[in-house]
PDB file of N, CA and C in Angstrom:
ATOM      1  N   MET A   1       1.094  -1.027   0.150  1.00  0.00           N
ATOM      2  CA  MET A   1      -0.136  -0.112   0.223  1.00  0.00           C
ATOM      3  C   MET A   1       1.052   1.241  -0.060  1.00  0.00           C
ATOM      4  N   PRO A   2       0.856   2.253  -1.048  1.00  0.00           N
ATOM      5  CA  PRO A   2       1.337   3.474  -0.941  1.00  0.00           C
ATOM      6  C   PRO A   2       1.450   3.928   0.957  1.00  0.00           C
ATOM      7  N   GLY A   3       2.552   4.694   0.582  1.00  0.00           N
ATOM      8  CA  GLY A   3       2.805   5.446   2.192  1.00  0.00           C
ATOM      9  C   GLY A   3       2.425   6.645   2.029  1.00  0.00           C
ATOM     10  N   ASN A   4       2.080   7.659   0.907  1.00  0.00           N
ATOM     11  CA  ASN A   4       1.567   8.574   0.712  1.00  0.00           C
ATOM     12  C   ASN A   4       0.856   9.297   0.933  1.00  0.00           C
ATOM     13  N   PHE A   5       0.493  10.014   1.694  1.00  0.00           N
ATOM     14  CA  PHE A   5      -0.718  10.170   2.325  1.00  0.00           C
ATOM     15  C   PHE A   5      -1.936  10.265   1.427  1.00  0.00           C
ATOM     16  N   GLU A   6      -1.470  11.114   0.270  1.00  0.00           N
ATOM     17  CA  GLU A   6      -2.735  11.635  -0.995  1.00  0.00           C
ATOM     18  C   GLU A   6      -2.913  10.299  -1.842  1.00  0.00           C
ATOM     19  N   ALA A   7      -1.553   9.652  -1.681  1.00  0.00           N
ATOM     20  CA  ALA A   7      -2.111   8.346  -2.643  1.00  0.00           C
ATOM     21  C   ALA A   7      -3.087   7.239  -1.901  1.00  0.00           C
ATOM     22  N   ARG A   8      -2.369   7.299  -0.683  1.00  0.00           N
ATOM     23  CA  ARG A   8      -3.859   6.260   0.447  1.00  0.00           C
ATOM     24  C   ARG A   8      -4.836   6.297   0.293  1.00  0.00           C
ATOM     25  N   LEU A   9      -5.273   8.161   0.324  1.00  0.00           N
ATOM     26  CA  LEU A   9      -6.695   8.804   0.299  1.00  0.00           C
ATOM     27  C   LEU A   9      -7.435   8.527  -1.149  1.00  0.00           C
ATOM     28  N   GLY A  10      -6.193   8.251  -2.139  1.00  0.00           N
ATOM     29  CA  GLY A  10      -7.158   8.700  -3.698  1.00  0.00           C
ATOM     30  C   GLY A  10      -6.894   7.114  -3.739  1.00  0.00           C
ATOM     31  N   LEU A  11      -6.263   6.215  -3.010  1.00  0.00           N
ATOM     32  CA  LEU A  11      -7.004   4.691  -3.225  1.00  0.00           C
ATOM     33  C   LEU A  11      -7.969   4.243  -2.535  1.00  0.00           C
ATOM     34  N   ALA A  12      -8.259   5.059  -1.485  1.00  0.00           N
ATOM     35  CA  ALA A  12      -9.835   4.763  -0.846  1.00  0.00           C
ATOM     36  C   ALA A  12     -10.579   5.105  -1.248  1.00  0.00           C
ATOM     37  N   LEU A  13     -10.870   6.416  -2.107  1.00  0.00           N
ATOM     38  CA  LEU A  13     -11.494   6.762  -2.751  1.00  0.00           C
ATOM     39  C   LEU A  13     -11.962   6.209  -4.060  1.00  0.00           C
ATOM     40  N   LEU A  14     -11.039   5.409  -4.804  1.00  0.00           N
ATOM     41  CA  LEU A  14     -11.027   4.703  -5.927  1.00  0.00           C
ATOM     42  C   LEU A  14     -11.751   3.556  -5.750  1.00  0.00           C
ATOM     43  N   ASN A  15     -11.870   2.952  -4.413  1.00  0.00           N
ATOM     44  CA  ASN A  15     -11.608   1.401  -4.228  1.00  0.00           C
ATOM     45  C   ASN A  15     -13.191   1.781  -4.001  1.00  0.00           C
ATOM     46  N   GLU A  16     -14.139   2.736  -3.087  1.00  0.00           N
ATOM     47  CA  GLU A  16     -15.429   3.275  -3.138  1.00  0.00           C
ATOM     48  C   GLU A  16     -16.234   3.432  -4.270  1.00  0.00           C
ATOM     49  N   LYS A  17     -15.218   4.416  -5.385  1.00  0.00           N
ATOM     50  CA  LYS A  17     -15.683   4.290  -6.868  1.00  0.00           C
ATOM     51  C   LYS A  17     -16.382   2.712  -7.338  1.00  0.00           C
ATOM     52  N   ASP A  18     -14.970   1.766  -7.538  1.00  0.00           N
ATOM     53  CA  ASP A  18     -14.893   0.900  -7.726  1.00  0.00           C
ATOM     54  C   ASP A  18     -15.854  -0.286  -6.923  1.00  0.00           C
ATOM     55  N   HIS A  19     -16.663   0.169  -6.366  1.00  0.00           N
ATOM     56  CA  HIS A  19     -17.682  -0.569  -5.278  1.00  0.00           C
ATOM     57  C   HIS A  19     -17.043  -2.391  -4.909  1.00  0.00           C
ATOM     58  N   HIS A  20     -15.590  -1.943  -3.884  1.00  0.00           N
ATOM     59  CA  HIS A  20     -14.148  -2.325  -3.324  1.00  0.00           C
ATOM     60  C   HIS A  20     -14.941  -1.761  -1.636  1.00  0.00           C
ATOM     61  N   TYR A  21     -16.184  -2.004  -1.546  1.00  0.00           N
ATOM     62  CA  TYR A  21     -16.284  -1.391  -0.292  1.00  0.00           C
ATOM     63  C   TYR A  21     -15.426  -2.045   0.932  1.00  0.00           C
ATOM     64  N   THR A  22     -15.535  -3.042   1.388  1.00  0.00           N
ATOM     65  CA  THR A  22     -14.871  -2.913   2.132  1.00  0.00           C
ATOM     66  C   THR A  22     -12.820  -2.653   2.541  1.00  0.00           C
ATOM     67  N   GLU A  23     -12.442  -2.830   1.007  1.00  0.00           N
ATOM     68  CA  GLU A  23     -10.733  -1.658   1.269  1.00  0.00           C
ATOM     69  C   GLU A  23     -11.337  -0.575   1.145  1.00  0.00           C
ATOM     70  N   ALA A  24     -12.165   0.269   0.740  1.00  0.00           N
ATOM     71  CA  ALA A  24     -12.464   1.316   0.691  1.00  0.00           C
ATOM     72  C   ALA A  24     -12.374   1.991   2.561  1.00  0.00           C
ATOM     73  N   LEU A  25     -13.044   1.021   3.084  1.00  0.00           N
ATOM     74  CA  LEU A  25     -13.653   1.568   4.710  1.00  0.00           C
ATOM     75  C   LEU A  25     -12.158   1.161   5.617  1.00  0.00           C
ATOM     76  N   ASP A  26     -11.456   0.236   5.251  1.00  0.00           N
ATOM     77  CA  ASP A  26     -10.489  -0.563   5.727  1.00  0.00           C
ATOM     78  C   ASP A  26      -9.387   0.902   5.733  1.00  0.00           C
ATOM     79  N   GLY A  27      -9.510   0.826   4.241  1.00  0.00           N
ATOM     80  CA  GLY A  27      -8.423   2.223   3.374  1.00  0.00           C
ATOM     81  C   GLY A  27      -8.212   3.746   4.754  1.00  0.00           C
ATOM     82  N   ILE A  28      -9.621   3.956   4.390  1.00  0.00           N
ATOM     83  CA  ILE A  28      -9.975   5.287   4.939  1.00  0.00           C
ATOM     84  C   ILE A  28      -9.761   4.931   6.998  1.00  0.00           C
ATOM     85  N   ASN A  29     -10.337   4.312   7.244  1.00  0.00           N
ATOM     86  CA  ASN A  29     -10.239   3.942   8.658  1.00  0.00           C
ATOM     87  C   ASN A  29      -8.936   4.272   9.313  1.00  0.00           C
ATOM     88  N   GLN A  30      -7.649   3.343   8.072  1.00  0.00           N
ATOM     89  CA  GLN A  30      -6.385   3.383   8.588  1.00  0.00           C
ATOM     90  C   GLN A  30      -5.694   5.131   8.571  1.00  0.00           C
ATOM     91  N   LEU A  31      -6.440   5.405   7.755  1.00  0.00           N
ATOM     92  CA  LEU A  31      -6.073   6.884   7.516  1.00  0.00           C
ATOM     93  C   LEU A  31      -6.195   7.806   8.615  1.00  0.00           C
ATOM     94  N   VAL A  32      -7.642   7.630   9.280  1.00  0.00           N
ATOM     95  CA  VAL A  32      -7.900   8.257  10.196  1.00  0.00           C
ATOM     96  C   VAL A  32      -7.356   7.890  11.658  1.00  0.00           C
ATOM     97  N   ALA A  33      -7.191   6.733  11.609  1.00  0.00           N
ATOM     98  CA  ALA A  33      -6.386   6.570  12.924  1.00  0.00           C
ATOM     99  C   ALA A  33      -4.776   7.145  12.426  1.00  0.00           C
ATOM    100  N   ALA A  34      -4.287   7.317  11.352  1.00  0.00           N
ATOM    101  CA  ALA A  34      -2.633   7.702  11.454  1.00  0.00           C
ATOM    102  C   ALA A  34      -2.928   9.034  11.084  1.00  0.00           C
ATOM    103  N   HIS A  35      -4.028   9.674  10.812  1.00  0.00           N
ATOM    104  CA  HIS A  35      -3.879  11.164  10.778  1.00  0.00           C
ATOM    105  C   HIS A  35      -5.310  12.115  11.132  1.00  0.00           C
ATOM    106  N   PRO A  36      -5.212  11.782  12.624  1.00  0.00           N
ATOM    107  CA  PRO A  36      -6.391  12.052  13.142  1.00  0.00           C
ATOM    108  C   PRO A  36      -7.005  13.788  13.362  1.00  0.00           C
ATOM    109  N   ASP A  37      -6.043  13.958  12.822  1.00  0.00           N
ATOM    110  CA  ASP A  37      -6.047  15.555  12.856  1.00  0.00           C
ATOM    111  C   ASP A  37      -6.654  16.383  11.530  1.00  0.00           C
ATOM    112  N   SER A  38      -6.755  15.563  10.781  1.00  0.00           N
ATOM    113  CA  SER A  38      -6.950  15.788   8.907  1.00  0.00           C
ATOM    114  C   SER A  38      -8.793  16.049   9.271  1.00  0.00           C
ATOM    115  N   ALA A  39      -8.945  17.244   8.671  1.00  0.00           N
ATOM    116  CA  ALA A  39     -10.417  16.950   8.202  1.00  0.00           C
ATOM    117  C   ALA A  39     -10.833  16.575   7.294  1.00  0.00           C
ATOM    118  N   ILE A  40      -9.907  16.366   6.498  1.00  0.00           N
ATOM    119  CA  ILE A  40     -10.059  15.600   4.742  1.00  0.00           C
ATOM    120  C   ILE A  40     -10.177  14.189   4.528  1.00  0.00           C
ATOM    121  N   VAL A  41      -9.700  13.520   5.888  1.00  0.00           N
ATOM    122  CA  VAL A  41      -9.566  11.809   5.971  1.00  0.00           C
ATOM    123  C   VAL A  41     -10.996  11.479   6.682  1.00  0.00           C
ATOM    124  N   TRP A  42     -11.382  12.366   8.262  1.00  0.00           N
ATOM    125  CA  TRP A  42     -12.898  12.622   8.461  1.00  0.00           C
ATOM    126  C   TRP A  42     -13.800  12.668   7.518  1.00  0.00           C
ATOM    127  N   ALA A  43     -13.759  13.697   6.594  1.00  0.00           N
ATOM    128  CA  ALA A  43     -14.662  14.129   5.771  1.00  0.00           C
ATOM    129  C   ALA A  43     -14.690  13.096   4.536  1.00  0.00           C
ATOM    130  N   ALA A  44     -13.650  12.169   4.197  1.00  0.00           N
ATOM    131  CA  ALA A  44     -13.836  11.760   2.929  1.00  0.00           C
ATOM    132  C   ALA A  44     -14.218  10.080   4.057  1.00  0.00           C
ATOM    133  N   ARG A  45     -13.937  10.094   4.847  1.00  0.00           N
ATOM    134  CA  ARG A  45     -14.793   8.778   5.594  1.00  0.00           C
ATOM    135  C   ARG A  45     -16.357   8.767   5.610  1.00  0.00           C
ATOM    136  N   ALA A  46     -16.574  10.512   5.797  1.00  0.00           N
ATOM    137  CA  ALA A  46     -18.120  10.480   6.417  1.00  0.00           C
ATOM    138  C   ALA A  46     -18.425  10.336   4.604  1.00  0.00           C
ATOM    139  N   GLY A  47     -18.172  10.854   3.450  1.00  0.00           N
ATOM    140  CA  GLY A  47     -18.376  10.947   2.323  1.00  0.00           C
ATOM    141  C   GLY A  47     -18.483   9.162   2.124  1.00  0.00           C
ATOM    142  N   ILE A  48     -17.737   7.798   2.059  1.00  0.00           N
ATOM    143  CA  ILE A  48     -18.056   6.914   1.947  1.00  0.00           C
ATOM    144  C   ILE A  48     -19.035   5.999   2.751  1.00  0.00           C
ATOM    145  N   GLU A  49     -19.130   6.639   3.835  1.00  0.00           N
ATOM    146  CA  GLU A  49     -20.229   6.232   5.108  1.00  0.00           C
ATOM    147  C   GLU A  49     -21.876   6.853   4.153  1.00  0.00           C
ATOM    148  N   SER A  50     -21.338   7.775   3.995  1.00  0.00           N
ATOM    149  CA  SER A  50     -22.813   8.280   3.340  1.00  0.00           C
ATOM    150  C   SER A  50     -23.475   7.490   2.134  1.00  0.00           C
ATOM    151  N   GLU A  51     -22.761   7.315   1.150  1.00  0.00           N
ATOM    152  CA  GLU A  51     -22.782   6.676  -0.325  1.00  0.00           C
ATOM    153  C   GLU A  51     -23.310   5.010   0.239  1.00  0.00           C
ATOM    154  N   ARG A  52     -22.792   4.707   1.690  1.00  0.00           N
ATOM    155  CA  ARG A  52     -23.073   3.362   2.050  1.00  0.00           C
ATOM    156  C   ARG A  52     -24.320   3.620   2.436  1.00  0.00           C
ATOM    157  N   GLY A  53     -24.875   4.474   3.364  1.00  0.00           N
ATOM    158  CA  GLY A  53     -26.279   4.792   3.871  1.00  0.00           C
ATOM    159  C   GLY A  53     -25.886   4.601   5.249  1.00  0.00           C
ATOM    160  N   MET A  54     -24.957   4.997   5.598  1.00  0.00           N
ATOM    161  CA  MET A  54     -24.577   5.143   7.464  1.00  0.00           C
ATOM    162  C   MET A  54     -24.331   6.278   7.456  1.00  0.00           C
ATOM    163  N   ARG A  55     -25.640   7.118   7.472  1.00  0.00           N
ATOM    164  CA  ARG A  55     -26.128   8.280   7.670  1.00  0.00           C
ATOM    165  C   ARG A  55     -25.988   8.353   9.227  1.00  0.00           C
ATOM    166  N   GLU A  56     -26.040   8.266  10.153  1.00  0.00           N
ATOM    167  CA  GLU A  56     -25.348   8.729  11.378  1.00  0.00           C
ATOM    168  C   GLU A  56     -23.996   8.696  11.837  1.00  0.00           C
ATOM    169  N   LEU A  57     -22.931   7.696  11.073  1.00  0.00           N
ATOM    170  CA  LEU A  57     -22.082   7.483  11.115  1.00  0.00           C
ATOM    171  C   LEU A  57     -21.271   8.650  10.520  1.00  0.00           C
ATOM    172  N   ALA A  58     -21.897   8.833   9.326  1.00  0.00           N
ATOM    173  CA  ALA A  58     -21.254  10.147   8.748  1.00  0.00           C
ATOM    174  C   ALA A  58     -21.679  11.388   8.973  1.00  0.00           C
ATOM    175  N   ALA A  59     -23.003  11.721   9.499  1.00  0.00           N
ATOM    176  CA  ALA A  59     -23.387  12.884  10.418  1.00  0.00           C
ATOM    177  C   ALA A  59     -21.995  12.814  11.244  1.00  0.00           C
ATOM    178  N   TYR A  60     -21.451  12.157  12.323  1.00  0.00           N
ATOM    179  CA  TYR A  60     -20.621  12.621  13.125  1.00  0.00           C
ATOM    180  C   TYR A  60     -19.104  12.883  12.700  1.00  0.00           C
ATOM    181  N   ASP A  61     -18.666  12.136  11.378  1.00  0.00           N
ATOM    182  CA  ASP A  61     -17.574  11.870  10.984  1.00  0.00           C
ATOM    183  C   ASP A  61     -17.366  13.584  10.177  1.00  0.00           C
ATOM    184  N   TYR A  62     -18.460  14.119   9.746  1.00  0.00           N
ATOM    185  CA  TYR A  62     -18.721  15.555   9.189  1.00  0.00           C
ATOM    186  C   TYR A  62     -18.312  16.635  10.544  1.00  0.00           C
ATOM    187  N   GLY A  63     -19.287  15.788  11.412  1.00  0.00           N
ATOM    188  CA  GLY A  63     -18.528  16.690  12.841  1.00  0.00           C
ATOM    189  C   GLY A  63     -16.940  16.800  13.176  1.00  0.00           C
ATOM    190  N   GLU A  64     -16.520  15.804  12.972  1.00  0.00           N
ATOM    191  CA  GLU A  64     -15.087  15.658  13.473  1.00  0.00           C
ATOM    192  C   GLU A  64     -14.348  16.441  11.925  1.00  0.00           C
ATOM    193  N   ALA A  65     -14.757  16.250  10.852  1.00  0.00           N
ATOM    194  CA  ALA A  65     -14.159  16.922   9.695  1.00  0.00           C
ATOM    195  C   ALA A  65     -14.449  18.887  10.664  1.00  0.00           C
ATOM    196  N   LEU A  66     -15.493  19.274  10.870  1.00  0.00           N
ATOM    197  CA  LEU A  66     -15.812  20.308  11.030  1.00  0.00           C
ATOM    198  C   LEU A  66     -14.897  21.289  12.338  1.00  0.00           C
ATOM    199  N   LYS A  67     -14.496  20.348  13.534  1.00  0.00           N
ATOM    200  CA  LYS A  67     -13.408  20.600  14.416  1.00  0.00           C
ATOM    201  C   LYS A  67     -12.810  20.888  13.888  1.00  0.00           C
ATOM    202  N   ARG A  68     -12.168  20.085  12.504  1.00  0.00           N
ATOM    203  CA  ARG A  68     -10.887  20.373  12.889  1.00  0.00           C
ATOM    204  C   ARG A  68     -11.188  21.474  11.318  1.00  0.00           C
ATOM    205  N   ASP A  69     -11.771  22.039  10.784  1.00  0.00           N
ATOM    206  CA  ASP A  69     -12.111  22.910   9.917  1.00  0.00           C
ATOM    207  C   ASP A  69     -13.308  23.872   9.768  1.00  0.00           C
ATOM    208  N   PRO A  70     -13.717  24.394  10.733  1.00  0.00           N
ATOM    209  CA  PRO A  70     -15.142  24.851  11.248  1.00  0.00           C
ATOM    210  C   PRO A  70     -15.619  25.584   9.893  1.00  0.00           C
ATOM    211  N   ASP A  71     -15.138  26.297   9.454  1.00  0.00           N
ATOM    212  CA  ASP A  71     -14.956  27.138   8.219  1.00  0.00           C
ATOM    213  C   ASP A  71     -15.955  26.598   6.937  1.00  0.00           C
ATOM    214  N   ASN A  72     -15.730  25.347   6.952  1.00  0.00           N
ATOM    215  CA  ASN A  72     -15.943  24.517   5.290  1.00  0.00           C
ATOM    216  C   ASN A  72     -17.447  24.241   5.100  1.00  0.00           C
ATOM    217  N   THR A  73     -17.561  25.053   4.025  1.00  0.00           N
ATOM    218  CA  THR A  73     -18.645  24.905   3.564  1.00  0.00           C
ATOM    219  C   THR A  73     -19.572  23.598   2.880  1.00  0.00           C
ATOM    220  N   ASP A  74     -18.645  23.377   2.531  1.00  0.00           N
ATOM    221  CA  ASP A  74     -19.032  21.950   1.781  1.00  0.00           C
ATOM    222  C   ASP A  74     -19.295  20.930   3.043  1.00  0.00           C
ATOM    223  N   TYR A  75     -18.810  20.674   4.092  1.00  0.00           N
ATOM    224  CA  TYR A  75     -18.899  19.802   5.299  1.00  0.00           C
ATOM    225  C   TYR A  75     -20.156  20.164   5.835  1.00  0.00           C
ATOM    226  N   LEU A  76     -20.528  21.619   5.949  1.00  0.00           N
ATOM    227  CA  LEU A  76     -21.560  21.806   6.464  1.00  0.00           C
ATOM    228  C   LEU A  76     -22.720  21.400   6.163  1.00  0.00           C
ATOM    229  N   LEU A  77     -22.739  21.990   4.567  1.00  0.00           N
ATOM    230  CA  LEU A  77     -24.214  21.588   3.946  1.00  0.00           C
ATOM    231  C   LEU A  77     -24.469  19.922   3.785  1.00  0.00           C
ATOM    232  N   ALA A  78     -23.087  18.778   3.755  1.00  0.00           N
ATOM    233  CA  ALA A  78     -23.340  17.556   3.675  1.00  0.00           C
ATOM    234  C   ALA A  78     -23.911  17.306   4.887  1.00  0.00           C
ATOM    235  N   ARG A  79     -23.523  18.131   6.000  1.00  0.00           N
ATOM    236  CA  ARG A  79     -23.698  17.620   7.374  1.00  0.00           C
ATOM    237  C   ARG A  79     -25.312  17.711   7.377  1.00  0.00           C
ATOM    238  N   ALA A  80     -25.607  19.430   7.163  1.00  0.00           N
ATOM    239  CA  ALA A  80     -26.958  19.571   7.048  1.00  0.00           C
ATOM    240  C   ALA A  80     -28.303  18.471   6.462  1.00  0.00           C
ATOM    241  N   ASP A  81     -27.166  18.124   5.509  1.00  0.00           N
ATOM    242  CA  ASP A  81     -28.373  17.321   4.153  1.00  0.00           C
ATOM    243  C   ASP A  81     -28.692  15.850   5.131  1.00  0.00           C
ATOM    244  N   LEU A  82     -27.744  15.286   5.599  1.00  0.00           N
ATOM    245  CA  LEU A  82     -27.727  14.055   6.431  1.00  0.00           C
ATOM    246  C   LEU A  82     -28.584  14.339   7.475  1.00  0.00           C
ATOM    247  N   ASN A  83     -28.734  15.480   7.938  1.00  0.00           N
ATOM    248  CA  ASN A  83     -29.652  15.914   9.261  1.00  0.00           C
ATOM    249  C   ASN A  83     -30.704  15.962   9.055  1.00  0.00           C
ATOM    250  N   ILE A  84     -30.760  16.485   8.095  1.00  0.00           N
ATOM    251  CA  ILE A  84     -32.070  16.600   7.563  1.00  0.00           C
ATOM    252  C   ILE A  84     -33.244  15.141   7.386  1.00  0.00           C
ATOM    253  N   GLY A  85     -32.195  13.925   6.649  1.00  0.00           N
ATOM    254  CA  GLY A  85     -32.635  12.409   6.365  1.00  0.00           C
ATOM    255  C   GLY A  85     -32.714  12.274   7.702  1.00  0.00           C
ATOM    256  N   LEU A  86     -31.927  11.904   8.859  1.00  0.00           N
ATOM    257  CA  LEU A  86     -32.068  11.758   9.266  1.00  0.00           C
ATOM    258  C   LEU A  86     -33.086  12.237  10.726  1.00  0.00           C
ATOM    259  N   GLY A  87     -33.581  13.624  10.186  1.00  0.00           N
ATOM    260  CA  GLY A  87     -34.791  14.076  10.963  1.00  0.00           C
ATOM    261  C   GLY A  87     -34.599  14.751  12.301  1.00  0.00           C
ATOM    262  N   ASN A  88     -32.771  15.962  12.109  1.00  0.00           N
ATOM    263  CA  ASN A  88     -32.706  16.190  13.298  1.00  0.00           C
ATOM    264  C   ASN A  88     -32.629  17.437  12.596  1.00  0.00           C
ATOM    265  N   TYR A  89     -33.823  18.242  12.565  1.00  0.00           N
ATOM    266  CA  TYR A  89     -34.099  19.301  12.003  1.00  0.00           C
ATOM    267  C   TYR A  89     -32.880  20.308  12.636  1.00  0.00           C
ATOM    268  N   ALA A  90     -33.101  20.545  14.177  1.00  0.00           N
ATOM    269  CA  ALA A  90     -32.146  21.641  14.761  1.00  0.00           C
ATOM    270  C   ALA A  90     -30.695  21.641  14.338  1.00  0.00           C
ATOM    271  N   ASP A  91     -30.416  20.244  14.484  1.00  0.00           N
ATOM    272  CA  ASP A  91     -28.980  20.461  13.859  1.00  0.00           C
ATOM    273  C   ASP A  91     -28.965  20.743  12.585  1.00  0.00           C
ATOM    274  N   ALA A  92     -29.895  20.336  11.393  1.00  0.00           N
ATOM    275  CA  ALA A  92     -29.616  20.722  10.298  1.00  0.00           C
ATOM    276  C   ALA A  92     -29.549  22.696  10.034  1.00  0.00           C
ATOM    277  N   ARG A  93     -30.630  22.904  10.985  1.00  0.00           N
ATOM    278  CA  ARG A  93     -30.763  24.464  10.738  1.00  0.00           C
ATOM    279  C   ARG A  93     -29.867  25.011  11.132  1.00  0.00           C
ATOM    280  N   ARG A  94     -29.015  24.441  12.582  1.00  0.00           N
ATOM    281  CA  ARG A  94     -27.698  25.115  12.860  1.00  0.00           C
ATOM    282  C   ARG A  94     -26.749  25.577  11.601  1.00  0.00           C
ATOM    283  N   ASP A  95     -26.816  24.665  10.771  1.00  0.00           N
ATOM    284  CA  ASP A  95     -25.888  24.587   9.809  1.00  0.00           C
ATOM    285  C   ASP A  95     -26.197  25.444   8.641  1.00  0.00           C
ATOM    286  N   LEU A  96     -27.193  25.261   8.476  1.00  0.00           N
ATOM    287  CA  LEU A  96     -27.568  26.132   7.493  1.00  0.00           C
ATOM    288  C   LEU A  96     -27.237  27.693   7.453  1.00  0.00           C
ATOM    289  N   ASP A  97     -27.702  27.963   8.921  1.00  0.00           N
ATOM    290  CA  ASP A  97     -27.458  29.352   9.630  1.00  0.00           C
ATOM    291  C   ASP A  97     -26.000  29.659   9.421  1.00  0.00           C
ATOM    292  N   ARG A  98     -25.469  28.256  10.087  1.00  0.00           N
ATOM    293  CA  ARG A  98     -24.058  28.857   9.913  1.00  0.00           C
ATOM    294  C   ARG A  98     -23.642  29.250   8.129  1.00  0.00           C
ATOM    295  N   LEU A  99     -23.691  28.415   7.252  1.00  0.00           N
ATOM    296  CA  LEU A  99     -24.242  28.742   5.647  1.00  0.00           C
ATOM    297  C   LEU A  99     -24.057  30.080   5.339  1.00  0.00           C
ATOM    298  N   VAL A 100     -25.062  30.226   6.199  1.00  0.00           N
ATOM    299  CA  VAL A 100     -25.747  32.099   5.494  1.00  0.00           C
ATOM    300  C   VAL A 100     -24.712  32.644   6.185  1.00  0.00           C
ATOM    301  N   LYS A 101     -24.644  32.710   7.850  1.00  0.00           N
ATOM    302  CA  LYS A 101     -23.035  33.263   8.355  1.00  0.00           C
ATOM    303  C   LYS A 101     -21.773  33.743   7.628  1.00  0.00           C
ATOM    304  N   LEU A 102     -21.980  32.295   7.313  1.00  0.00           N
ATOM    305  CA  LEU A 102     -20.332  32.632   6.457  1.00  0.00           C
ATOM    306  C   LEU A 102     -20.554  32.703   4.796  1.00  0.00           C
ATOM    307  N   GLY A 103     -21.443  33.083   4.361  1.00  0.00           N
ATOM    308  CA  GLY A 103     -21.794  34.117   3.344  1.00  0.00           C
ATOM    309  C   GLY A 103     -22.371  33.770   2.466  1.00  0.00           C
ATOM    310  N   THR A 104     -22.952  32.547   2.212  1.00  0.00           N
ATOM    311  CA  THR A 104     -24.023  31.789   1.721  1.00  0.00           C
ATOM    312  C   THR A 104     -25.203  32.345   1.346  1.00  0.00           C
ATOM    313  N   PRO A 105     -25.812  32.699   0.019  1.00  0.00           N
ATOM    314  CA  PRO A 105     -26.633  33.637   0.020  1.00  0.00           C
ATOM    315  C   PRO A 105     -27.840  32.503   0.419  1.00  0.00           C
ATOM    316  N   LYS A 106     -28.902  32.810   1.615  1.00  0.00           N
ATOM    317  CA  LYS A 106     -29.915  32.235   2.129  1.00  0.00           C
ATOM    318  C   LYS A 106     -30.688  31.424   0.836  1.00  0.00           C
ATOM    319  N   ALA A 107     -30.571  32.229   0.179  1.00  0.00           N
ATOM    320  CA  ALA A 107     -31.633  31.636  -1.565  1.00  0.00           C
ATOM    321  C   ALA A 107     -30.685  30.202  -2.258  1.00  0.00           C
ATOM    322  N   ALA A 108     -29.737  30.402  -1.752  1.00  0.00           N
ATOM    323  CA  ALA A 108     -29.341  29.484  -2.721  1.00  0.00           C
ATOM    324  C   ALA A 108     -29.190  27.662  -1.635  1.00  0.00           C
ATOM    325  N   LEU A 109     -29.767  28.598  -0.363  1.00  0.00           N
ATOM    326  CA  LEU A 109     -30.149  27.088   0.185  1.00  0.00           C
ATOM    327  C   LEU A 109     -31.991  26.913   0.487  1.00  0.00           C
ATOM    328  N   ARG A 110     -32.574  27.479  -0.093  1.00  0.00           N
ATOM    329  CA  ARG A 110     -33.732  27.644  -0.024  1.00  0.00           C
ATOM    330  C   ARG A 110     -34.531  25.991  -0.317  1.00  0.00           C
ATOM    331  N   GLU A 111     -33.479  25.051  -0.721  1.00  0.00           N
ATOM    332  CA  GLU A 111     -34.434  23.949  -0.859  1.00  0.00           C
ATOM    333  C   GLU A 111     -34.212  22.800   0.697  1.00  0.00           C
ATOM    334  N   TRP A 112     -32.745  23.587   1.140  1.00  0.00           N
ATOM    335  CA  TRP A 112     -32.509  22.809   2.271  1.00  0.00           C
ATOM    336  C   TRP A 112     -33.583  23.462   3.442  1.00  0.00           C
ATOM    337  N   TYR A 113     -33.415  24.635   3.363  1.00  0.00           N
ATOM    338  CA  TYR A 113     -34.799  25.235   4.222  1.00  0.00           C
ATOM    339  C   TYR A 113     -35.890  24.643   3.715  1.00  0.00           C
ATOM    340  N   GLU A 114     -36.255  24.613   3.083  1.00  0.00           N
ATOM    341  CA  GLU A 114     -37.921  24.465   3.127  1.00  0.00           C
ATOM    342  C   GLU A 114     -38.274  22.966   3.261  1.00  0.00           C
ATOM    343  N   LYS A 115     -36.879  21.910   3.971  1.00  0.00           N
ATOM    344  CA  LYS A 115     -37.196  20.409   3.953  1.00  0.00           C
ATOM    345  C   LYS A 115     -37.459  20.396   5.560  1.00  0.00           C
ATOM    346  N   LEU A 116     -36.845  21.778   6.012  1.00  0.00           N
ATOM    347  CA  LEU A 116     -37.183  22.000   7.628  1.00  0.00           C
ATOM    348  C   LEU A 116     -38.272  22.609   7.924  1.00  0.00           C
ATOM    349  N   LYS A 117     -39.657  22.451   7.401  1.00  0.00           N
ATOM    350  CA  LYS A 117     -40.711  22.983   7.111  1.00  0.00           C
ATOM    351  C   LYS A 117     -41.652  21.830   8.228  1.00  0.00           C
TER     352      LYS A 117
END
């Protein structure tokens, strides 16, 4: 297995894309263990988990990514979307409101805000 961070991350994501789910999760879990301070690996694992329908785990991992990169709008929107699907509307609203505070026009988030009603 490649020792380079980017190569290992790329391999995990490629395994996910090629439907090698066990290898993808094994690889990304190794990266999270080796680089626990990296928002990118937490978010990558969240993306893999989300694709596999593990929404609660994905929401948690996006939270871990956001602890390390609190202003990342991609992570906030992904977590808001997951929380809407999980029925965690208050958490989703907090993320959407944070996106607005960070400069995303509220009109651009209308689709997500409407799901909160």
